[in-house]
Protein backbone atom coordinates (compact mmCIF):
# COMPACT_ATOMS: atom_id res chain seq x y z
CA MET A 1 14.60 19.02 4.48
CA ASP A 2 10.63 18.91 6.73
CA VAL A 3 7.57 18.58 5.28
CA ARG A 4 5.61 18.08 7.70
CA ALA A 5 2.15 19.85 9.04
CA LYS A 6 -0.56 20.39 10.93
CA GLU A 7 -2.60 17.51 10.48
CA HIS A 8 -4.89 18.11 7.59
CA GLU A 9 -8.01 18.38 9.54
CA ASP A 10 -10.67 18.61 7.16
CA THR A 11 -12.89 15.56 6.92
CA PRO A 12 -13.85 15.04 3.09
CA PRO A 13 -17.34 13.16 2.38
CA ALA A 14 -17.55 9.36 2.07
CA GLY A 15 -16.35 8.14 -0.97
CA THR A 16 -16.51 4.99 -2.02
CA PRO A 17 -14.78 1.48 -0.02
CA PRO A 18 -11.51 -1.11 -1.87
CA HIS A 19 -13.98 -3.43 -0.92
CA PRO A 20 -17.34 -4.26 1.33
CA THR A 21 -17.03 -4.78 4.23
CA LEU A 22 -15.98 -8.06 5.54
CA ARG A 23 -17.81 -8.67 9.06
CA GLU A 24 -16.06 -12.52 9.43
CA TYR A 25 -13.18 -9.93 10.81
CA TYR A 26 -14.48 -6.74 12.03
CA GLU A 27 -18.30 -4.62 12.67
CA GLY A 28 -18.53 -2.18 10.47
CA ARG A 29 -16.63 0.58 9.19
CA GLU A 30 -15.31 2.43 12.76
CA SER A 31 -13.77 -1.03 14.34
CA ARG A 32 -11.84 -1.86 10.77
CA GLN A 33 -8.98 0.60 12.06
CA GLY A 34 -8.38 -0.36 15.05
CA PHE A 35 -8.59 -3.97 13.42
CA LEU A 36 -6.05 -3.52 11.31
CA ASP A 37 -4.01 -2.13 12.96
CA GLU A 38 -3.12 -4.21 16.31
CA LEU A 39 -3.53 -7.48 13.36
CA PHE A 40 -0.24 -6.10 11.96
CA ASP A 41 0.63 -4.91 15.01
CA ARG A 42 0.79 -8.73 15.77
CA THR A 43 2.96 -9.99 12.56
CA ALA A 44 5.18 -7.27 11.64
CA HIS A 45 7.66 -9.20 12.72
CA ARG A 46 6.94 -11.71 10.71
CA TYR A 47 6.10 -9.78 7.51
CA ARG A 48 9.22 -8.92 5.38
CA ALA A 49 10.17 -12.91 5.57
CA LEU A 50 5.98 -13.45 4.52
CA ASP A 51 6.50 -11.08 1.47
CA ARG A 52 10.23 -13.10 0.81
CA ALA A 53 7.87 -16.19 0.56
CA ILE A 54 4.54 -15.18 -1.04
CA GLY A 55 7.35 -12.97 -3.71
CA LEU A 56 9.15 -16.31 -3.99
CA GLY A 57 12.16 -13.87 -3.43
CA SER A 58 11.41 -11.53 -6.06
CA GLY A 59 9.84 -9.12 -3.79
CA LEU A 60 12.56 -5.49 -4.03
CA TRP A 61 13.42 -6.65 -7.33
CA TYR A 62 9.81 -5.80 -8.56
CA ARG A 63 9.39 -3.20 -6.30
CA ARG A 64 12.74 -1.39 -7.98
CA LYS A 65 11.62 -1.75 -11.41
CA ALA A 66 7.83 -0.97 -11.11
CA LEU A 67 9.63 2.46 -8.96
CA ARG A 68 11.81 3.33 -11.93
CA ASP A 69 8.89 2.47 -14.32
CA ALA A 70 6.59 4.68 -12.45
CA GLY A 71 9.46 7.61 -13.08
CA LEU A 72 11.64 7.65 -9.76
CA GLU A 73 14.13 9.47 -10.59
CA PRO A 74 17.32 10.47 -8.37
CA GLY A 75 16.88 13.52 -6.80
CA MET A 76 12.98 13.06 -6.65
CA LYS A 77 10.90 13.87 -3.30
CA VAL A 78 8.44 10.67 -1.62
CA LEU A 79 6.09 9.83 -0.05
CA ASP A 80 5.76 6.30 0.79
CA VAL A 81 1.83 5.81 2.39
CA ALA A 82 1.56 2.91 3.79
CA CYS A 83 4.90 2.04 4.41
CA GLY A 84 5.20 -1.42 6.27
CA PRO A 85 8.26 -2.88 7.66
CA GLY A 86 9.78 -0.36 4.94
CA LEU A 87 9.89 -2.72 1.68
CA THR A 88 9.08 0.08 -0.97
CA THR A 89 10.70 2.42 0.88
CA GLN A 90 13.67 0.64 1.07
CA CYS A 91 14.07 -0.05 -3.09
CA ALA A 92 13.03 4.27 -3.32
CA LEU A 93 16.11 5.09 -0.91
CA ALA A 94 18.73 3.57 -3.30
CA LEU A 95 16.35 4.84 -6.39
CA THR A 96 16.82 8.53 -5.49
CA GLY A 97 20.18 8.73 -4.06
CA SER A 98 21.84 10.55 -1.61
CA THR A 99 20.35 13.67 -3.45
CA GLY A 100 17.23 12.04 -2.43
CA TYR A 101 14.68 12.60 0.69
CA VAL A 102 11.75 9.81 1.15
CA VAL A 103 9.03 9.48 3.72
CA GLY A 104 7.30 6.04 4.48
CA LEU A 105 4.38 6.82 6.55
CA ASP A 106 2.20 3.83 8.46
CA PRO A 107 -0.94 3.88 10.64
CA SER A 108 0.82 0.37 12.80
CA THR A 109 3.37 0.92 15.82
CA GLY A 110 4.73 -2.54 15.31
CA MET A 111 5.24 -1.71 11.37
CA LEU A 112 7.02 0.75 11.65
CA ARG A 113 9.68 -0.53 13.98
CA GLU A 114 10.11 -3.23 11.47
CA ALA A 115 11.02 0.20 9.13
CA ARG A 116 12.81 1.65 11.56
CA ARG A 117 15.96 -1.73 11.16
CA GLY A 118 15.80 -0.63 7.04
CA PRO A 119 17.76 2.53 6.20
CA CYS A 120 15.22 4.95 6.61
CA ARG A 121 15.19 6.92 9.25
CA ASN A 122 12.40 9.43 8.17
CA LEU A 123 9.28 7.24 9.57
CA ILE A 124 6.02 9.32 10.16
CA GLN A 125 2.60 7.43 12.20
CA ALA A 126 -0.61 9.12 10.15
CA VAL A 127 -3.42 7.45 7.56
CA ALA A 128 -3.21 7.49 3.78
CA GLU A 129 -7.08 9.83 3.90
CA ARG A 130 -4.98 12.46 6.91
CA LEU A 131 -0.87 13.06 5.65
CA PRO A 132 0.20 14.97 7.52
CA PHE A 133 1.85 17.93 4.64
CA LEU A 134 1.89 20.79 3.27
CA ASP A 135 0.44 21.21 0.00
CA ALA A 136 2.48 19.98 -3.46
CA SER A 137 5.15 18.70 -0.78
CA PHE A 138 7.04 15.51 -3.27
CA ASP A 139 7.35 14.90 -6.87
CA PHE A 140 6.35 11.02 -6.23
CA LEU A 141 4.02 9.24 -4.35
CA SER A 142 4.84 5.48 -3.94
CA MET A 143 1.72 3.32 -1.84
CA GLY A 144 3.07 -1.24 -2.34
CA TYR A 145 0.17 -3.76 -1.50
CA ALA A 146 -2.15 -2.07 0.71
CA LEU A 147 -4.40 -0.17 -1.36
CA ARG A 148 -7.88 -1.91 0.01
CA HIS A 149 -6.82 -1.87 3.75
CA VAL A 150 -7.61 2.38 3.04
CA PRO A 151 -11.32 3.41 4.15
CA ASP A 152 -12.14 5.84 1.63
CA LEU A 153 -11.15 5.45 -2.31
CA GLU A 154 -11.68 9.22 -2.75
CA ALA A 155 -10.57 10.01 0.13
CA ALA A 156 -6.65 8.95 -0.38
CA PHE A 157 -6.44 9.93 -3.49
CA ARG A 158 -7.53 13.48 -3.08
CA GLU A 159 -4.84 13.26 -0.19
CA TYR A 160 -2.33 11.72 -2.46
CA HIS A 161 -3.22 15.01 -4.95
CA ARG A 162 -2.92 17.29 -1.92
CA VAL A 163 0.29 16.66 -1.28
CA LEU A 164 1.75 15.93 -4.67
CA LYS A 165 3.28 19.03 -6.96
CA PRO A 166 2.01 19.48 -10.63
CA GLY A 167 3.45 16.90 -12.52
CA GLY A 168 4.49 14.28 -9.66
CA ILE A 169 3.49 10.98 -10.42
CA VAL A 170 1.57 8.41 -7.69
CA LEU A 171 1.81 4.86 -8.07
CA LEU A 172 -0.23 1.85 -6.49
CA LEU A 173 1.55 -1.53 -6.21
CA GLU A 174 -1.80 -4.62 -6.10
CA VAL A 175 -1.98 -7.87 -5.80
CA SER A 176 -5.31 -8.32 -7.62
CA ARG A 177 -7.99 -11.17 -8.24
CA PRO A 178 -6.62 -12.42 -11.32
CA ARG A 179 -9.25 -13.08 -14.61
CA SER A 180 -8.20 -17.03 -15.08
CA ALA A 181 -9.74 -19.27 -12.86
CA ALA A 182 -7.19 -21.30 -12.52
CA LEU A 183 -4.59 -19.05 -12.15
CA LEU A 184 -7.60 -17.82 -8.93
CA SER A 185 -8.22 -21.23 -7.31
CA VAL A 186 -4.47 -21.59 -7.33
CA SER A 187 -3.93 -17.61 -5.33
CA ARG A 188 -6.53 -18.36 -3.88
CA PHE A 189 -5.02 -21.95 -2.25
CA TYR A 190 -1.33 -20.22 -2.32
CA ILE A 191 -2.23 -17.02 0.12
CA LYS A 192 -5.28 -17.94 1.35
CA THR A 193 -4.80 -21.62 3.22
CA ALA A 194 -0.75 -22.81 2.15
CA MET A 195 0.78 -19.47 3.57
CA GLY A 196 -1.35 -19.22 6.62
CA LEU A 197 -0.90 -22.58 7.42
CA THR A 198 2.25 -22.62 6.96
CA PHE A 199 3.84 -19.13 8.89
CA ALA A 200 1.12 -20.00 12.07
CA THR A 201 1.91 -23.45 12.31
CA VAL A 202 6.76 -22.63 11.66
CA THR A 203 6.12 -19.46 13.91
CA GLY A 204 3.23 -20.55 16.99
CA ASN A 205 1.74 -17.05 15.70
CA ARG A 206 -2.54 -17.96 14.29
CA ASP A 207 -2.07 -14.20 13.50
CA MET A 208 -0.52 -15.57 10.91
CA ARG A 209 -3.54 -17.60 9.78
CA THR A 210 -5.35 -14.09 9.83
CA LEU A 211 -4.23 -12.21 8.18
CA MET A 212 -3.62 -14.53 4.82
CA ARG A 213 -7.52 -14.40 5.21
CA TYR A 214 -7.77 -10.82 5.48
CA TRP A 215 -5.20 -10.84 2.85
CA TRP A 216 -7.28 -12.67 0.14
CA ASP A 217 -10.70 -11.96 0.96
CA THR A 218 -10.10 -8.22 0.13
CA ILE A 219 -7.99 -9.17 -2.79
CA GLU A 220 -11.04 -11.52 -3.73
CA HIS A 221 -13.76 -8.67 -2.53
CA CYS A 222 -11.92 -5.74 -4.03
CA VAL A 223 -13.32 -3.67 -6.37
CA THR A 224 -12.07 -3.51 -10.14
CA PRO A 225 -9.32 -1.82 -11.81
CA ASP A 226 -11.38 0.87 -13.54
CA VAL A 227 -14.03 1.28 -10.07
CA ILE A 228 -10.77 2.63 -9.24
CA LEU A 229 -8.96 4.50 -12.19
CA SER A 230 -12.58 6.50 -12.07
CA ALA A 231 -11.50 7.48 -8.22
CA LEU A 232 -8.06 8.79 -9.72
CA GLY A 233 -9.54 10.56 -11.94
CA GLU A 234 -12.66 12.79 -9.87
CA VAL A 235 -9.88 13.82 -7.92
CA GLY A 236 -7.41 15.17 -10.05
CA PHE A 237 -5.47 12.97 -11.48
CA ALA A 238 -4.52 12.48 -15.47
CA ARG A 239 -2.53 10.24 -17.49
CA CYS A 240 -4.48 7.30 -14.98
CA GLY A 241 -4.07 3.50 -16.22
CA VAL A 242 -2.90 -0.15 -15.04
CA ARG A 243 -0.64 -1.84 -15.70
CA GLU A 244 -1.08 -5.91 -15.83
CA GLN A 245 1.42 -8.88 -15.51
CA PHE A 246 0.79 -12.86 -14.16
CA GLY A 247 -2.91 -12.65 -15.38
CA GLY A 248 -4.20 -9.72 -13.35
CA LEU A 249 -2.13 -10.98 -10.21
CA LEU A 250 -0.31 -7.82 -10.32
CA ARG A 251 -1.37 -4.73 -10.87
CA ASN A 252 -0.02 -1.14 -10.77
CA TYR A 253 -1.67 2.26 -11.10
CA ARG A 254 -0.18 5.31 -12.97
CA ALA A 255 -1.53 9.05 -12.47
CA VAL A 256 -0.26 11.98 -12.88
CA ARG A 257 -0.97 15.33 -10.32
CA ALA A 258 -2.74 17.98 -13.61
């Protein structure tokens, strides 16, 4: 099945960014995507190891459970946006089985190169706010820990709504700012400092430290869950909800295309 189409050319009005401009890393909105593409290209080959370390080896198990709990079933057609090295894509393939159809999409050349080492063979380079697919192409759309990297929530959600079939499900997995001050301090140190320093030292790649600093700063400055749920509802999604674990450190947003 080929669900690709001419790239969507309409430019939606500017909406809500997931976090303020982080000028420590890039100057403004126009230079943001370039910074991200270069950073992820240079660190992609370490991302699987990084995911295992941050999640203490539970990353794939957690993704499979979240997808299944959200309603992913055998035979569904799935789009995994910002697939990175293909971790959520891999889990979706296992759940949809031989009768399903899964596409992974990411703007980073490096991440797609790593994703090709996995089982998914349908991989496309594009960004969330301009999806090169026909309307109503998919039953399920996932995004694993990348919502903070889109420039505009409504623009991305508008596209998600467009490519999903009526009744289609969107699932957004996110690492978020926990409510507890103690857990916030521990998480900040572990992700921003310990993981960044460890991977930079072990690999000799200083970009790993930049990656983890940026990763955490986007978490700490991300908009609140009610803003994300409101943006989903504004573009037409229904039954918008969020499940939290570990005091809000992990949040899974789920909505249905009305």
